Amino acid sequence: MEVKILTRAAIREQITRFQSGSLTGKALAAWAFKQFADQEEELLDYEPDQEELIADVLDDLMWTDAAPFALDATAAQALAERLQ
């Protein structure tokens, strides 16, 4: 079985979808959690040499459906910029 690679570009794409309104905060959090879980189950690897950054951003995104951690436009843009 081929292991998929999660790239910074793929995460930026999801953040862009959130920013455009085509993805809710709850859906973004669920997507991020799925990526994290798949990596833990060795079904997914993170982009080489970007593992720590990707893990950190996914950690932030996994909580965006909880009120104290809700993602606004400024925070979403900051996360996208971290992934450049």
N, C-alpha and C. Protein backbone atom coordinates (compact mmCIF):
# COMPACT_ATOMS: atom_id res chain seq x y z
N MET A 1 0.85 -1.18 0.00
CA MET A 1 0.00 0.00 0.00
C MET A 1 0.89 1.25 0.00
N GLU A 2 0.58 2.15 -0.89
CA GLU A 2 1.34 3.39 -1.00
C GLU A 2 0.89 4.39 0.06
N VAL A 3 1.84 4.95 0.76
CA VAL A 3 1.56 5.94 1.80
C VAL A 3 1.45 7.32 1.14
N LYS A 4 0.40 8.03 1.43
CA LYS A 4 0.21 9.37 0.88
C LYS A 4 1.09 10.36 1.63
N ILE A 5 1.40 11.46 0.95
CA ILE A 5 2.21 12.53 1.53
C ILE A 5 1.34 13.77 1.69
N LEU A 6 1.26 14.29 2.89
CA LEU A 6 0.54 15.54 3.15
C LEU A 6 1.53 16.68 3.01
N THR A 7 1.25 17.59 2.10
CA THR A 7 2.15 18.72 1.84
C THR A 7 1.61 20.00 2.45
N ARG A 8 2.51 20.97 2.56
CA ARG A 8 2.10 22.29 3.02
C ARG A 8 1.07 22.89 2.07
N ALA A 9 1.25 22.64 0.77
CA ALA A 9 0.31 23.17 -0.22
C ALA A 9 -1.10 22.61 -0.01
N ALA A 10 -1.19 21.34 0.33
CA ALA A 10 -2.51 20.72 0.56
C ALA A 10 -3.20 21.34 1.77
N ILE A 11 -2.42 21.66 2.79
CA ILE A 11 -3.01 22.28 3.98
C ILE A 11 -3.42 23.72 3.65
N ARG A 12 -2.58 24.43 2.91
CA ARG A 12 -2.95 25.80 2.50
C ARG A 12 -4.25 25.78 1.69
N GLU A 13 -4.42 24.76 0.86
CA GLU A 13 -5.64 24.65 0.06
C GLU A 13 -6.87 24.54 0.97
N GLN A 14 -6.77 23.75 2.02
CA GLN A 14 -7.89 23.61 2.96
C GLN A 14 -8.15 24.93 3.69
N ILE A 15 -7.10 25.62 4.06
CA ILE A 15 -7.26 26.92 4.73
C ILE A 15 -7.91 27.92 3.78
N THR A 16 -7.51 27.90 2.52
CA THR A 16 -8.12 28.78 1.52
C THR A 16 -9.60 28.48 1.36
N ARG A 17 -9.95 27.22 1.36
CA ARG A 17 -11.37 26.83 1.28
C ARG A 17 -12.13 27.38 2.49
N PHE A 18 -11.52 27.31 3.66
CA PHE A 18 -12.14 27.87 4.86
C PHE A 18 -12.32 29.38 4.71
N GLN A 19 -11.27 30.05 4.24
CA GLN A 19 -11.33 31.50 4.09
C GLN A 19 -12.39 31.93 3.08
N SER A 20 -12.62 31.12 2.06
CA SER A 20 -13.61 31.46 1.03
C SER A 20 -15.03 31.11 1.46
N GLY A 21 -15.15 30.38 2.56
CA GLY A 21 -16.47 30.00 3.05
C GLY A 21 -16.98 28.67 2.53
N SER A 22 -16.17 27.98 1.73
CA SER A 22 -16.62 26.69 1.20
C SER A 22 -16.32 25.52 2.15
N LEU A 23 -15.66 25.83 3.27
CA LEU A 23 -15.36 24.82 4.29
C LEU A 23 -15.58 25.46 5.66
N THR A 24 -16.38 24.84 6.49
CA THR A 24 -16.66 25.38 7.82
C THR A 24 -15.49 25.10 8.76
N GLY A 25 -15.46 25.82 9.86
CA GLY A 25 -14.45 25.57 10.88
C GLY A 25 -14.52 24.14 11.40
N LYS A 26 -15.73 23.65 11.56
CA LYS A 26 -15.92 22.27 12.04
C LYS A 26 -15.37 21.26 11.03
N ALA A 27 -15.64 21.50 9.75
CA ALA A 27 -15.13 20.60 8.70
C ALA A 27 -13.61 20.68 8.60
N LEU A 28 -13.05 21.86 8.73
CA LEU A 28 -11.61 22.03 8.71
C LEU A 28 -10.96 21.30 9.88
N ALA A 29 -11.54 21.41 11.05
CA ALA A 29 -11.01 20.71 12.23
C ALA A 29 -11.07 19.20 12.02
N ALA A 30 -12.17 18.71 11.47
CA ALA A 30 -12.31 17.27 11.22
C ALA A 30 -11.29 16.79 10.19
N TRP A 31 -11.08 17.59 9.15
CA TRP A 31 -10.08 17.24 8.14
C TRP A 31 -8.69 17.17 8.78
N ALA A 32 -8.34 18.17 9.57
CA ALA A 32 -7.03 18.20 10.21
C ALA A 32 -6.85 17.00 11.14
N PHE A 33 -7.88 16.67 11.90
CA PHE A 33 -7.81 15.53 12.81
C PHE A 33 -7.60 14.24 12.02
N LYS A 34 -8.28 14.10 10.89
CA LYS A 34 -8.13 12.90 10.05
C LYS A 34 -6.70 12.77 9.55
N GLN A 35 -6.09 13.88 9.14
CA GLN A 35 -4.71 13.85 8.66
C GLN A 35 -3.78 13.40 9.79
N PHE A 36 -4.00 13.96 10.99
CA PHE A 36 -3.20 13.61 12.15
C PHE A 36 -3.35 12.12 12.46
N ALA A 37 -4.59 11.65 12.49
CA ALA A 37 -4.85 10.24 12.81
C ALA A 37 -4.24 9.31 11.76
N ASP A 38 -4.37 9.69 10.49
CA ASP A 38 -3.79 8.86 9.43
C ASP A 38 -2.27 8.79 9.55
N GLN A 39 -1.65 9.89 9.95
CA GLN A 39 -0.20 9.88 10.14
C GLN A 39 0.17 8.97 11.31
N GLU A 40 -0.60 9.04 12.37
CA GLU A 40 -0.35 8.17 13.54
C GLU A 40 -0.50 6.70 13.17
N GLU A 41 -1.42 6.39 12.25
CA GLU A 41 -1.66 5.02 11.82
C GLU A 41 -0.73 4.60 10.67
N GLU A 42 0.20 5.48 10.33
CA GLU A 42 1.17 5.25 9.26
C GLU A 42 0.52 5.07 7.90
N LEU A 43 -0.63 5.73 7.70
CA LEU A 43 -1.29 5.75 6.40
C LEU A 43 -0.91 6.98 5.61
N LEU A 44 -0.23 7.91 6.28
CA LEU A 44 0.11 9.20 5.70
C LEU A 44 1.44 9.66 6.28
N ASP A 45 2.25 10.26 5.44
CA ASP A 45 3.48 10.89 5.89
C ASP A 45 3.36 12.38 5.63
N TYR A 46 4.13 13.15 6.37
CA TYR A 46 4.18 14.59 6.15
C TYR A 46 5.31 14.91 5.17
N GLU A 47 5.16 16.00 4.48
CA GLU A 47 6.17 16.46 3.52
C GLU A 47 7.56 16.40 4.18
N PRO A 48 8.52 15.79 3.49
CA PRO A 48 9.87 15.67 4.07
C PRO A 48 10.45 17.04 4.47
N ASP A 49 11.10 17.05 5.59
CA ASP A 49 11.74 18.24 6.16
C ASP A 49 10.74 19.30 6.64
N GLN A 50 9.46 18.97 6.65
CA GLN A 50 8.43 19.91 7.10
C GLN A 50 7.54 19.27 8.18
N GLU A 51 7.97 18.16 8.70
CA GLU A 51 7.14 17.38 9.62
C GLU A 51 6.70 18.18 10.85
N GLU A 52 7.65 18.88 11.46
CA GLU A 52 7.32 19.62 12.68
C GLU A 52 6.34 20.76 12.39
N LEU A 53 6.57 21.49 11.34
CA LEU A 53 5.67 22.58 10.96
C LEU A 53 4.28 22.06 10.66
N ILE A 54 4.19 21.01 9.88
CA ILE A 54 2.88 20.44 9.54
C ILE A 54 2.17 19.94 10.78
N ALA A 55 2.88 19.26 11.66
CA ALA A 55 2.26 18.78 12.90
C ALA A 55 1.74 19.94 13.73
N ASP A 56 2.51 21.02 13.81
CA ASP A 56 2.09 22.19 14.59
C ASP A 56 0.84 22.83 14.00
N VAL A 57 0.81 23.00 12.68
CA VAL A 57 -0.34 23.63 12.04
C VAL A 57 -1.57 22.73 12.16
N LEU A 58 -1.42 21.43 11.96
CA LEU A 58 -2.55 20.52 12.13
C LEU A 58 -3.08 20.59 13.55
N ASP A 59 -2.17 20.68 14.52
CA ASP A 59 -2.60 20.79 15.92
C ASP A 59 -3.45 22.03 16.12
N ASP A 60 -3.05 23.14 15.53
CA ASP A 60 -3.85 24.36 15.62
C ASP A 60 -5.21 24.18 14.94
N LEU A 61 -5.20 23.56 13.77
CA LEU A 61 -6.44 23.42 12.99
C LEU A 61 -7.42 22.44 13.63
N MET A 62 -6.92 21.43 14.32
CA MET A 62 -7.81 20.43 14.92
C MET A 62 -8.76 21.02 15.96
N TRP A 63 -8.40 22.16 16.51
CA TRP A 63 -9.20 22.76 17.57
C TRP A 63 -10.05 23.93 17.09
N THR A 64 -10.07 24.20 15.80
CA THR A 64 -10.78 25.38 15.30
C THR A 64 -12.29 25.29 15.43
N ASP A 65 -12.80 24.12 15.77
CA ASP A 65 -14.25 23.99 15.95
C ASP A 65 -14.67 24.28 17.39
N ALA A 66 -13.70 24.53 18.28
CA ALA A 66 -14.00 24.86 19.68
C ALA A 66 -13.96 26.38 19.85
N ALA A 67 -14.97 26.91 20.50
CA ALA A 67 -15.14 28.37 20.62
C ALA A 67 -13.87 29.13 21.02
N PRO A 68 -13.15 28.71 22.04
CA PRO A 68 -11.98 29.52 22.42
C PRO A 68 -10.88 29.52 21.35
N PHE A 69 -10.92 28.55 20.45
CA PHE A 69 -9.86 28.43 19.43
C PHE A 69 -10.39 28.71 18.03
N ALA A 70 -11.58 29.28 17.92
CA ALA A 70 -12.18 29.54 16.62
C ALA A 70 -11.21 30.30 15.72
N LEU A 71 -11.20 29.91 14.48
CA LEU A 71 -10.29 30.49 13.51
C LEU A 71 -10.97 31.65 12.81
N ASP A 72 -10.36 32.83 12.88
CA ASP A 72 -10.89 33.98 12.14
C ASP A 72 -10.00 34.21 10.92
N ALA A 73 -10.33 35.20 10.12
CA ALA A 73 -9.60 35.46 8.87
C ALA A 73 -8.13 35.76 9.13
N THR A 74 -7.84 36.52 10.17
CA THR A 74 -6.45 36.88 10.47
C THR A 74 -5.64 35.66 10.88
N ALA A 75 -6.21 34.84 11.76
CA ALA A 75 -5.51 33.64 12.21
C ALA A 75 -5.34 32.65 11.06
N ALA A 76 -6.34 32.52 10.21
CA ALA A 76 -6.25 31.62 9.06
C ALA A 76 -5.13 32.08 8.13
N GLN A 77 -5.05 33.38 7.90
CA GLN A 77 -4.00 33.91 7.03
C GLN A 77 -2.61 33.67 7.64
N ALA A 78 -2.50 33.84 8.95
CA ALA A 78 -1.22 33.62 9.63
C ALA A 78 -0.78 32.15 9.49
N LEU A 79 -1.72 31.22 9.62
CA LEU A 79 -1.38 29.80 9.46
C LEU A 79 -0.95 29.52 8.02
N ALA A 80 -1.68 30.07 7.06
CA ALA A 80 -1.32 29.86 5.65
C ALA A 80 0.07 30.40 5.37
N GLU A 81 0.40 31.55 5.94
CA GLU A 81 1.71 32.14 5.72
C GLU A 81 2.83 31.32 6.35
N ARG A 82 2.55 30.68 7.47
CA ARG A 82 3.55 29.80 8.09
C ARG A 82 3.92 28.65 7.17
N LEU A 83 2.98 28.27 6.32
CA LEU A 83 3.19 27.12 5.44
C LEU A 83 3.86 27.46 4.12
N GLN A 84 4.25 28.71 3.93
CA GLN A 84 4.89 29.13 2.67
C GLN A 84 6.25 28.51 2.52
